Every structure is written in structure tokens, then in C-alpha cells.
């Protein structure tokens, strides 16, 4: 059950009328908690590793590599879990 997982820390680096830039730092096996993205966003991994994406449609794993960004549209609902035994970090850029 996800309640036993540590929470990822999301310090905001930039927030203005156009973008929100957040640095997500996941302890080993840490999670974001369930959430819905209200804005389009780009994720830029700062660590190589595996994330577990828990969704209503089922779980899937994503292999991320440093500097290889990906884009998603608003409306994504999920819980993101660090599937690694080490800290995982990414930068999230949300576009208003």
C-alpha cells in the first residue's frame, strides 16, 4: 500500500504567469502521491533509473535517462514512485 512510502520533495524553482518549474527529489521508493496534472508539462530527468507509474488503468514502468525529456498533456492522473534503491531526481516544467 502506498501510504508506507516516503514522499518526494517538490521544491519550486520558478513560478510565474507562464511556467512552473519544480525539482522533484524522490528518496528510494518514494512517491508523489496521487495527483492530476492541470497543465501541460515536460519532465527532464536528472538521474538514470526506473519510475513506477500507478494509474487507474494499471501500473507501468518507465525507464528514464539523464537529459532525455518527455512531454505530456494536462489531465494525466497518476502516482509516481521511485522504483530504485537510490535517490531519483527530475525537473518538471509546467506550461500555463
Protein backbone atom coordinates (compact mmCIF):
# COMPACT_ATOMS: atom_id res chain seq x y z
CA UNK A 1 0.00 0.00 0.00
CA UNK A 2 1.38 3.43 -0.94
CA UNK A 3 0.81 5.02 2.50
CA UNK A 4 4.04 3.41 3.79
CA UNK A 5 6.20 5.09 1.13
CA UNK A 6 8.20 8.26 1.85
CA UNK A 7 7.10 11.38 -0.03
CA UNK A 8 9.09 13.02 -2.81
CA UNK A 9 10.13 16.60 -2.11
CA UNK A 10 8.97 19.17 -4.66
CA UNK A 11 10.81 22.50 -4.22
CA UNK A 12 9.54 25.10 -6.70
CA UNK A 13 12.40 26.71 -8.61
CA UNK A 14 10.35 29.13 -10.75
CA UNK A 15 6.69 30.12 -10.64
CA UNK A 16 5.22 32.92 -12.71
CA UNK A 17 2.30 33.63 -15.03
CA UNK A 18 3.76 31.40 -17.80
CA UNK A 19 5.56 28.42 -16.20
CA UNK A 20 6.03 26.45 -13.01
CA UNK A 21 9.40 24.69 -12.66
CA UNK A 22 9.67 22.11 -9.88
CA UNK A 23 12.57 19.89 -8.84
CA UNK A 24 11.25 16.52 -7.69
CA UNK A 25 13.63 14.62 -5.38
CA UNK A 26 12.49 11.07 -4.64
CA UNK A 27 14.08 9.13 -1.81
CA UNK A 28 14.48 5.41 -2.58
CA UNK A 29 10.96 4.05 -3.22
CA UNK A 30 9.43 7.47 -2.52
CA UNK A 31 6.25 8.68 -4.20
CA UNK A 32 4.45 11.86 -5.25
CA UNK A 33 1.02 10.72 -4.09
CA UNK A 34 -1.96 10.56 -6.45
CA UNK A 35 -2.46 13.75 -8.46
CA UNK A 36 -3.91 15.14 -11.69
CA UNK A 37 -1.83 17.45 -13.88
CA UNK A 38 -3.72 20.68 -14.51
CA UNK A 39 -1.19 21.92 -17.08
CA UNK A 40 0.82 20.52 -19.98
CA UNK A 41 4.27 19.55 -18.73
CA UNK A 42 7.77 18.44 -19.66
CA UNK A 43 9.91 16.21 -17.43
CA UNK A 44 13.71 16.40 -17.69
CA UNK A 45 15.40 13.52 -15.80
CA UNK A 46 18.47 14.38 -13.74
CA UNK A 47 19.06 10.72 -12.84
CA UNK A 48 19.02 7.46 -14.82
CA UNK A 49 16.56 4.95 -13.45
CA UNK A 50 13.11 3.45 -13.32
CA UNK A 51 9.86 5.06 -12.24
CA UNK A 52 6.70 3.11 -11.45
CA UNK A 53 3.62 4.92 -12.75
CA UNK A 54 0.48 3.86 -10.91
CA UNK A 55 -2.66 4.74 -12.90
CA UNK A 56 -6.33 3.82 -12.82
CA UNK A 57 -5.68 1.78 -15.99
CA UNK A 58 -2.88 -0.19 -14.30
CA UNK A 59 0.77 0.14 -13.38
CA UNK A 60 3.63 0.53 -15.81
CA UNK A 61 7.37 1.17 -15.54
CA UNK A 62 9.22 3.94 -17.32
CA UNK A 63 12.98 3.88 -17.91
CA UNK A 64 14.33 7.43 -17.78
CA UNK A 65 17.76 8.70 -18.80
CA UNK A 66 19.55 11.90 -17.81
CA UNK A 67 18.75 14.75 -20.18
CA UNK A 68 16.12 12.84 -22.24
CA UNK A 69 12.93 14.84 -21.69
CA UNK A 70 9.35 13.82 -22.35
CA UNK A 71 6.10 15.79 -22.75
CA UNK A 72 2.56 15.08 -21.50
CA UNK A 73 -0.70 16.99 -21.87
CA UNK A 74 -2.79 18.22 -18.95
CA UNK A 75 -5.18 15.69 -17.45
CA UNK A 76 -2.71 12.91 -16.62
CA UNK A 77 -3.69 11.27 -13.31
CA UNK A 78 -1.19 9.05 -11.53
CA UNK A 79 1.10 8.34 -8.59
CA UNK A 80 4.80 8.39 -9.49
CA UNK A 81 7.03 6.05 -7.47
CA UNK A 82 10.83 5.81 -7.48
CA UNK A 83 11.40 2.11 -8.24
CA UNK A 84 15.13 2.42 -7.46
CA UNK A 85 17.21 1.83 -4.32
CA UNK A 86 18.73 5.31 -4.76
CA UNK A 87 17.52 8.90 -4.93
CA UNK A 88 15.86 9.84 -8.23
CA UNK A 89 15.62 13.46 -9.40
CA UNK A 90 13.81 15.19 -12.25
CA UNK A 91 12.84 18.71 -13.23
CA UNK A 92 9.19 19.24 -14.16
CA UNK A 93 8.25 22.25 -16.31
CA UNK A 94 4.53 23.04 -16.38
CA UNK A 95 3.27 25.44 -19.07
CA UNK A 96 0.29 27.70 -18.38
